[in-house]
Amino acid sequence: MPEAIAVLHVDDDPDFAEFAASLLERQDDRLTVVRADSASDGQALLAERPVDCVVSDYDMPRLNGIEFLQAIREQYPDLPFILFTGKGSEEIASEAISAGVTDYLQKGSDVERYELLANRVMNAVAQNRAQQRALETTQRYETLFTHTTNAIASVELRNGAPIIQSVNPAFEATFVPPGAEVVGRNLARVITATDAQREQAERITRRAETGDVTTTEVTRQTVDGPRTFQL
């Protein structure tokens, strides 16, 4: 099922806000709009319930749209924010961009304007969700990389040589003598001690380059001497 999208629409004209919310929700079944008549009411709603995107007018009392955006960015730095305003000028657009607005669109009463707004909202939310999923995946990988008891080295193949980019604590404890630096070195040179071991490591690297992954038993040089591993 498509993911629902909750939109907070902030505008000090309640009649226009109701009209806009109605037209926006008609554009896509995934869209649900909640309304606030002021920036302060919008902030209160954000504290009560999560939303996926904020759509805000510019010309409002107390806090205008830019000031509202700045306040939002302090608490919700990644929340998509679209300035939807009847006051269009290069100065306002430039100020909005500097404040971190996601998108900027002038108001209109035609249906096409709300089709465009709906597309802008959905695109902004889709991009934000993709970024959040990528961040979560990266964080899970970093947690696993750091805390696993398996020795792991991240490498980059350069001219067929596996050059170490980073290693986890388990790798350091197993293969790296105190005070030694291995980043930037050939992995095979770090964990092998004999010509036979190096030749075997090179064969494994060549197979990995072609996507041929096999299980094999190898002997590698650790800080405590030669040790057998299952690869």
C-alpha atoms as a PDB file:
ATOM      1  CA  MET A   1       0.000   0.000   0.000  1.00  0.00           C
ATOM      2  CA  PRO A   2       1.245   3.556  -0.723  1.00  0.00           C
ATOM      3  CA  GLU A   3       2.524   5.357   2.351  1.00  0.00           C
ATOM      4  CA  ALA A   4       0.227   8.041   3.783  1.00  0.00           C
ATOM      5  CA  ILE A   5       1.516  11.632   3.825  1.00  0.00           C
ATOM      6  CA  ALA A   6       0.478  14.007   6.600  1.00  0.00           C
ATOM      7  CA  VAL A   7       0.702  17.686   5.627  1.00  0.00           C
ATOM      8  CA  LEU A   8       0.544  20.641   8.003  1.00  0.00           C
ATOM      9  CA  HIS A   9      -0.850  23.700   6.198  1.00  0.00           C
ATOM     10  CA  VAL A  10      -0.327  27.002   8.027  1.00  0.00           C
ATOM     11  CA  ASP A  11      -2.222  30.070   6.813  1.00  0.00           C
ATOM     12  CA  ASP A  12      -3.837  32.925   8.750  1.00  0.00           C
ATOM     13  CA  ASP A  13      -6.818  33.019   6.338  1.00  0.00           C
ATOM     14  CA  PRO A  14      -9.027  30.128   7.545  1.00  0.00           C
ATOM     15  CA  ASP A  15     -11.305  30.241   4.488  1.00  0.00           C
ATOM     16  CA  PHE A  16      -8.387  29.977   2.098  1.00  0.00           C
ATOM     17  CA  ALA A  17      -6.754  27.303   4.274  1.00  0.00           C
ATOM     18  CA  GLU A  18      -9.900  25.175   4.147  1.00  0.00           C
ATOM     19  CA  PHE A  19     -10.203  25.669   0.392  1.00  0.00           C
ATOM     20  CA  ALA A  20      -6.534  24.819  -0.179  1.00  0.00           C
ATOM     21  CA  ALA A  21      -6.646  21.744   2.066  1.00  0.00           C
ATOM     22  CA  SER A  22      -9.701  20.437   0.229  1.00  0.00           C
ATOM     23  CA  LEU A  23      -8.092  20.874  -3.191  1.00  0.00           C
ATOM     24  CA  LEU A  24      -4.796  19.415  -2.053  1.00  0.00           C
ATOM     25  CA  GLU A  25      -6.389  16.273  -0.600  1.00  0.00           C
ATOM     26  CA  ARG A  26      -8.278  15.713  -3.869  1.00  0.00           C
ATOM     27  CA  GLN A  27      -5.019  15.401  -5.778  1.00  0.00           C
ATOM     28  CA  ASP A  28      -3.910  12.147  -4.131  1.00  0.00           C
ATOM     29  CA  ASP A  29      -5.537   9.706  -1.689  1.00  0.00           C
ATOM     30  CA  ARG A  30      -2.317   9.520   0.297  1.00  0.00           C
ATOM     31  CA  LEU A  31      -2.501  13.179   1.325  1.00  0.00           C
ATOM     32  CA  THR A  32      -4.098  14.202   4.615  1.00  0.00           C
ATOM     33  CA  VAL A  33      -4.003  17.895   5.564  1.00  0.00           C
ATOM     34  CA  VAL A  34      -4.200  19.383   9.060  1.00  0.00           C
ATOM     35  CA  ARG A  35      -4.555  23.168   9.359  1.00  0.00           C
ATOM     36  CA  ALA A  36      -3.203  25.842  11.646  1.00  0.00           C
ATOM     37  CA  ASP A  37      -4.094  29.550  11.566  1.00  0.00           C
ATOM     38  CA  SER A  38      -0.722  30.821  12.784  1.00  0.00           C
ATOM     39  CA  ALA A  39       2.917  29.835  13.076  1.00  0.00           C
ATOM     40  CA  SER A  40       2.572  29.379  16.840  1.00  0.00           C
ATOM     41  CA  ASP A  41      -0.431  27.065  16.343  1.00  0.00           C
ATOM     42  CA  GLY A  42       1.604  25.198  13.743  1.00  0.00           C
ATOM     43  CA  GLN A  43       4.454  24.709  16.203  1.00  0.00           C
ATOM     44  CA  ALA A  44       1.987  23.440  18.809  1.00  0.00           C
ATOM     45  CA  LEU A  45       0.544  20.930  16.336  1.00  0.00           C
ATOM     46  CA  LEU A  46       4.018  19.713  15.400  1.00  0.00           C
ATOM     47  CA  ALA A  47       4.718  19.044  19.080  1.00  0.00           C
ATOM     48  CA  GLU A  48       1.518  16.980  19.332  1.00  0.00           C
ATOM     49  CA  ARG A  49       1.682  14.881  16.175  1.00  0.00           C
ATOM     50  CA  PRO A  50       4.214  13.947  13.487  1.00  0.00           C
ATOM     51  CA  VAL A  51       3.779  15.334   9.984  1.00  0.00           C
ATOM     52  CA  ASP A  52       5.671  14.603   6.791  1.00  0.00           C
ATOM     53  CA  CYS A  53       5.639  18.086   5.270  1.00  0.00           C
ATOM     54  CA  VAL A  54       4.817  21.682   6.205  1.00  0.00           C
ATOM     55  CA  VAL A  55       3.143  24.039   3.724  1.00  0.00           C
ATOM     56  CA  SER A  56       3.128  27.621   4.967  1.00  0.00           C
ATOM     57  CA  ASP A  57       2.010  31.081   3.916  1.00  0.00           C
ATOM     58  CA  TYR A  58       4.518  33.927   4.114  1.00  0.00           C
ATOM     59  CA  ASP A  59       2.520  36.992   5.223  1.00  0.00           C
ATOM     60  CA  MET A  60       1.278  36.086   8.742  1.00  0.00           C
ATOM     61  CA  PRO A  61       1.158  38.051  12.030  1.00  0.00           C
ATOM     62  CA  ARG A  62       3.795  37.612  14.756  1.00  0.00           C
ATOM     63  CA  LEU A  63       5.898  35.101  12.823  1.00  0.00           C
ATOM     64  CA  ASN A  64       5.974  35.290   9.038  1.00  0.00           C
ATOM     65  CA  GLY A  65       6.678  32.236   6.881  1.00  0.00           C
ATOM     66  CA  ILE A  66      10.457  32.712   6.912  1.00  0.00           C
ATOM     67  CA  GLU A  67      10.570  33.172  10.683  1.00  0.00           C
ATOM     68  CA  PHE A  68       8.359  30.109  11.060  1.00  0.00           C
ATOM     69  CA  LEU A  69      10.720  28.160   8.800  1.00  0.00           C
ATOM     70  CA  GLN A  70      13.717  29.234  10.893  1.00  0.00           C
ATOM     71  CA  ALA A  71      11.969  28.081  14.078  1.00  0.00           C
ATOM     72  CA  ILE A  72      11.074  24.745  12.449  1.00  0.00           C
ATOM     73  CA  ARG A  73      14.642  24.179  11.288  1.00  0.00           C
ATOM     74  CA  GLU A  74      15.937  24.492  14.858  1.00  0.00           C
ATOM     75  CA  GLN A  75      13.828  21.527  15.984  1.00  0.00           C
ATOM     76  CA  TYR A  76      13.175  19.619  12.758  1.00  0.00           C
ATOM     77  CA  PRO A  77      16.174  20.214  10.473  1.00  0.00           C
ATOM     78  CA  ASP A  78      15.123  17.622   7.870  1.00  0.00           C
ATOM     79  CA  LEU A  79      11.349  18.186   7.763  1.00  0.00           C
ATOM     80  CA  PRO A  80      10.237  19.205   4.245  1.00  0.00           C
ATOM     81  CA  PHE A  81       8.947  22.792   4.260  1.00  0.00           C
ATOM     82  CA  ILE A  82       7.229  24.421   1.272  1.00  0.00           C
ATOM     83  CA  LEU A  83       6.548  28.147   1.259  1.00  0.00           C
ATOM     84  CA  PHE A  84       3.180  28.604  -0.479  1.00  0.00           C
ATOM     85  CA  THR A  85       2.604  32.324  -0.680  1.00  0.00           C
ATOM     86  CA  GLY A  86       0.867  35.091  -2.569  1.00  0.00           C
ATOM     87  CA  LYS A  87       3.812  37.386  -1.954  1.00  0.00           C
ATOM     88  CA  GLY A  88       6.327  36.425  -4.562  1.00  0.00           C
ATOM     89  CA  SER A  89       9.589  38.266  -4.925  1.00  0.00           C
ATOM     90  CA  GLU A  90      13.221  37.438  -5.526  1.00  0.00           C
ATOM     91  CA  GLU A  91      14.042  38.826  -2.079  1.00  0.00           C
ATOM     92  CA  ILE A  92      11.581  36.504  -0.310  1.00  0.00           C
ATOM     93  CA  ALA A  93      12.684  33.520  -2.418  1.00  0.00           C
ATOM     94  CA  SER A  94      16.346  34.232  -1.651  1.00  0.00           C
ATOM     95  CA  GLU A  95      15.609  34.600   2.063  1.00  0.00           C
ATOM     96  CA  ALA A  96      13.637  31.347   2.048  1.00  0.00           C
ATOM     97  CA  ILE A  97      16.465  29.464   0.349  1.00  0.00           C
ATOM     98  CA  SER A  98      18.961  30.844   2.869  1.00  0.00           C
ATOM     99  CA  ALA A  99      16.701  29.673   5.703  1.00  0.00           C
ATOM    100  CA  GLY A 100      16.596  26.128   4.295  1.00  0.00           C
ATOM    101  CA  VAL A 101      13.243  25.995   2.532  1.00  0.00           C
ATOM    102  CA  THR A 102      12.611  22.784   0.597  1.00  0.00           C
ATOM    103  CA  ASP A 103      10.530  24.430  -2.117  1.00  0.00           C
ATOM    104  CA  TYR A 104       8.813  27.712  -2.963  1.00  0.00           C
ATOM    105  CA  LEU A 105       5.532  28.130  -4.812  1.00  0.00           C
ATOM    106  CA  GLN A 106       3.191  31.041  -5.415  1.00  0.00           C
ATOM    107  CA  LYS A 107      -0.474  30.701  -4.528  1.00  0.00           C
ATOM    108  CA  GLY A 108      -3.206  30.372  -7.117  1.00  0.00           C
ATOM    109  CA  SER A 109      -6.859  29.405  -7.299  1.00  0.00           C
ATOM    110  CA  ASP A 110      -6.628  27.085 -10.312  1.00  0.00           C
ATOM    111  CA  VAL A 111      -6.694  23.332  -9.862  1.00  0.00           C
ATOM    112  CA  GLU A 112      -3.397  22.995 -11.747  1.00  0.00           C
ATOM    113  CA  ARG A 113      -1.711  25.006  -8.990  1.00  0.00           C
ATOM    114  CA  TYR A 114      -2.750  22.386  -6.428  1.00  0.00           C
ATOM    115  CA  GLU A 115      -1.710  19.544  -8.680  1.00  0.00           C
ATOM    116  CA  LEU A 116       1.706  21.194  -8.751  1.00  0.00           C
ATOM    117  CA  LEU A 117       1.702  21.710  -4.978  1.00  0.00           C
ATOM    118  CA  ALA A 118       0.718  18.076  -4.404  1.00  0.00           C
ATOM    119  CA  ASN A 119       3.559  16.922  -6.665  1.00  0.00           C
ATOM    120  CA  ARG A 120       6.016  19.157  -4.843  1.00  0.00           C
ATOM    121  CA  VAL A 121       4.853  17.803  -1.469  1.00  0.00           C
ATOM    122  CA  MET A 122       5.045  14.156  -2.554  1.00  0.00           C
ATOM    123  CA  ASN A 123       8.448  14.585  -4.181  1.00  0.00           C
ATOM    124  CA  ALA A 124       9.846  16.344  -1.097  1.00  0.00           C
ATOM    125  CA  VAL A 125       8.481  13.652   1.226  1.00  0.00           C
ATOM    126  CA  ALA A 126       9.711  10.808  -0.998  1.00  0.00           C
ATOM    127  CA  GLN A 127      13.196  12.294  -1.113  1.00  0.00           C
ATOM    128  CA  ASN A 128      13.263  12.858   2.641  1.00  0.00           C
ATOM    129  CA  ARG A 129      12.074   9.320   3.370  1.00  0.00           C
ATOM    130  CA  ALA A 130      14.688   7.876   1.026  1.00  0.00           C
ATOM    131  CA  GLN A 131      17.396   9.898   2.784  1.00  0.00           C
ATOM    132  CA  GLN A 132      16.174   8.742   6.189  1.00  0.00           C
ATOM    133  CA  ARG A 133      16.144   5.095   5.082  1.00  0.00           C
ATOM    134  CA  ALA A 134      19.668   5.455   3.682  1.00  0.00           C
ATOM    135  CA  LEU A 135      20.814   7.046   6.946  1.00  0.00           C
ATOM    136  CA  GLU A 136      19.245   4.251   8.998  1.00  0.00           C
ATOM    137  CA  THR A 137      20.914   1.624   6.801  1.00  0.00           C
ATOM    138  CA  THR A 138      24.269   3.367   7.187  1.00  0.00           C
ATOM    139  CA  GLN A 139      23.838   3.588  10.947  1.00  0.00           C
ATOM    140  CA  ARG A 140      22.946  -0.115  11.194  1.00  0.00           C
ATOM    141  CA  TYR A 141      25.990  -1.004   9.097  1.00  0.00           C
ATOM    142  CA  GLU A 142      28.248   1.204  11.223  1.00  0.00           C
ATOM    143  CA  THR A 143      26.902  -0.374  14.415  1.00  0.00           C
ATOM    144  CA  LEU A 144      27.481  -3.885  13.059  1.00  0.00           C
ATOM    145  CA  PHE A 145      30.906  -2.908  11.687  1.00  0.00           C
ATOM    146  CA  THR A 146      31.962  -1.500  15.055  1.00  0.00           C
ATOM    147  CA  HIS A 147      30.534  -4.063  17.443  1.00  0.00           C
ATOM    148  CA  THR A 148      30.815  -7.410  15.643  1.00  0.00           C
ATOM    149  CA  THR A 149      33.460  -9.811  16.919  1.00  0.00           C
ATOM    150  CA  ASN A 150      34.366 -10.669  13.314  1.00  0.00           C
ATOM    151  CA  ALA A 151      37.439  -8.925  11.935  1.00  0.00           C
ATOM    152  CA  ILE A 152      36.335  -6.700   9.031  1.00  0.00           C
ATOM    153  CA  ALA A 153      38.332  -4.499   6.689  1.00  0.00           C
ATOM    154  CA  SER A 154      36.745  -2.239   4.096  1.00  0.00           C
ATOM    155  CA  VAL A 155      38.868  -2.201   0.948  1.00  0.00           C
ATOM    156  CA  GLU A 156      38.988  -0.509  -2.441  1.00  0.00           C
ATOM    157  CA  LEU A 157      40.392  -2.420  -5.382  1.00  0.00           C
ATOM    158  CA  ARG A 158      43.121  -0.395  -7.102  1.00  0.00           C
ATOM    159  CA  ASN A 159      44.757  -2.070 -10.062  1.00  0.00           C
ATOM    160  CA  GLY A 160      43.669  -5.399  -8.633  1.00  0.00           C
ATOM    161  CA  ALA A 161      45.063  -4.693  -5.158  1.00  0.00           C
ATOM    162  CA  PRO A 162      42.737  -4.548  -2.105  1.00  0.00           C
ATOM    163  CA  ILE A 163      43.685  -1.238  -0.455  1.00  0.00           C
ATOM    164  CA  ILE A 164      42.385  -0.828   3.096  1.00  0.00           C
ATOM    165  CA  GLN A 165      39.962   2.079   3.630  1.00  0.00           C
ATOM    166  CA  SER A 166      38.947   1.310   7.206  1.00  0.00           C
ATOM    167  CA  VAL A 167      39.012  -1.509   9.735  1.00  0.00           C
ATOM    168  CA  ASN A 168      36.845  -2.350  12.712  1.00  0.00           C
ATOM    169  CA  PRO A 169      38.071  -2.851  16.304  1.00  0.00           C
ATOM    170  CA  ALA A 170      38.018  -6.644  15.932  1.00  0.00           C
ATOM    171  CA  PHE A 171      40.331  -6.424  12.912  1.00  0.00           C
ATOM    172  CA  GLU A 172      42.695  -4.105  14.779  1.00  0.00           C
ATOM    173  CA  ALA A 173      42.793  -6.426  17.781  1.00  0.00           C
ATOM    174  CA  THR A 174      43.459  -9.455  15.570  1.00  0.00           C
ATOM    175  CA  PHE A 175      45.832  -8.177  12.892  1.00  0.00           C
ATOM    176  CA  VAL A 176      47.247  -4.772  13.786  1.00  0.00           C
ATOM    177  CA  PRO A 177      50.209  -4.482  16.168  1.00  0.00           C
ATOM    178  CA  PRO A 178      49.996  -1.600  18.662  1.00  0.00           C
ATOM    179  CA  GLY A 179      50.958   1.698  17.059  1.00  0.00           C
ATOM    180  CA  ALA A 180      50.788   0.372  13.497  1.00  0.00           C
ATOM    181  CA  GLU A 181      48.777   2.084  10.737  1.00  0.00           C
ATOM    182  CA  VAL A 182      47.088  -0.058   8.099  1.00  0.00           C
ATOM    183  CA  VAL A 183      44.741   2.317   6.269  1.00  0.00           C
ATOM    184  CA  GLY A 184      46.052   2.821   2.749  1.00  0.00           C
ATOM    185  CA  ARG A 185      48.011  -0.423   2.748  1.00  0.00           C
ATOM    186  CA  ASN A 186      47.440  -3.567   0.692  1.00  0.00           C
ATOM    187  CA  LEU A 187      45.268  -5.921   2.766  1.00  0.00           C
ATOM    188  CA  ALA A 188      47.195  -8.968   1.592  1.00  0.00           C
ATOM    189  CA  ARG A 189      50.467  -7.448   2.842  1.00  0.00           C
ATOM    190  CA  VAL A 190      48.958  -6.791   6.254  1.00  0.00           C
ATOM    191  CA  ILE A 191      47.519 -10.229   6.966  1.00  0.00           C
ATOM    192  CA  THR A 192      49.983 -12.535   5.187  1.00  0.00           C
ATOM    193  CA  ALA A 193      53.527 -13.522   6.100  1.00  0.00           C
ATOM    194  CA  THR A 194      54.645 -15.998   3.437  1.00  0.00           C
ATOM    195  CA  ASP A 195      54.705 -16.089  -0.361  1.00  0.00           C
ATOM    196  CA  ALA A 196      52.232 -18.978  -0.333  1.00  0.00           C
ATOM    197  CA  GLN A 197      49.795 -17.010   1.819  1.00  0.00           C
ATOM    198  CA  ARG A 198      50.139 -13.947  -0.435  1.00  0.00           C
ATOM    199  CA  GLU A 199      49.552 -15.975  -3.592  1.00  0.00           C
ATOM    200  CA  GLN A 200      46.450 -17.507  -2.043  1.00  0.00           C
ATOM    201  CA  ALA A 201      45.225 -14.035  -0.992  1.00  0.00           C
ATOM    202  CA  GLU A 202      45.724 -12.739  -4.540  1.00  0.00           C
ATOM    203  CA  ARG A 203      43.731 -15.669  -5.954  1.00  0.00           C
ATOM    204  CA  ILE A 204      40.896 -14.927  -3.537  1.00  0.00           C
ATOM    205  CA  THR A 205      40.941 -11.238  -4.551  1.00  0.00           C
ATOM    206  CA  ARG A 206      40.771 -12.149  -8.254  1.00  0.00           C
ATOM    207  CA  ARG A 207      37.791 -14.420  -7.602  1.00  0.00           C
ATOM    208  CA  ALA A 208      36.088 -11.662  -5.602  1.00  0.00           C
ATOM    209  CA  GLU A 209      36.556  -9.243  -8.529  1.00  0.00           C
ATOM    210  CA  THR A 210      34.561 -11.577 -10.771  1.00  0.00           C
ATOM    211  CA  GLY A 211      31.877 -12.136  -8.140  1.00  0.00           C
ATOM    212  CA  ASP A 212      32.970 -15.698  -7.498  1.00  0.00           C
ATOM    213  CA  VAL A 213      32.557 -16.092  -3.726  1.00  0.00           C
ATOM    214  CA  THR A 214      33.639 -19.415  -2.257  1.00  0.00           C
ATOM    215  CA  THR A 215      34.266 -20.778   1.214  1.00  0.00           C
ATOM    216  CA  THR A 216      37.816 -21.784   1.960  1.00  0.00           C
ATOM    217  CA  GLU A 217      40.197 -22.267   4.859  1.00  0.00           C
ATOM    218  CA  VAL A 218      43.187 -19.934   5.018  1.00  0.00           C
ATOM    219  CA  THR A 219      46.118 -19.241   7.315  1.00  0.00           C
ATOM    220  CA  ARG A 220      46.767 -15.602   8.103  1.00  0.00           C
ATOM    221  CA  GLN A 221      49.277 -13.727  10.213  1.00  0.00           C
ATOM    222  CA  THR A 222      47.773 -12.238  13.403  1.00  0.00           C
ATOM    223  CA  VAL A 223      49.406 -10.271  16.199  1.00  0.00           C
ATOM    224  CA  ASP A 224      49.661 -13.580  18.068  1.00  0.00           C
ATOM    225  CA  GLY A 225      51.143 -15.509  15.143  1.00  0.00           C
ATOM    226  CA  PRO A 226      49.702 -17.663  12.326  1.00  0.00           C
ATOM    227  CA  ARG A 227      46.048 -18.561  12.699  1.00  0.00           C
ATOM    228  CA  THR A 228      43.566 -20.516  10.584  1.00  0.00           C
ATOM    229  CA  PHE A 229      40.366 -18.813   9.413  1.00  0.00           C
ATOM    230  CA  GLN A 230      37.305 -19.925   7.489  1.00  0.00           C
ATOM    231  CA  LEU A 231      36.571 -17.468   4.667  1.00  0.00           C
END
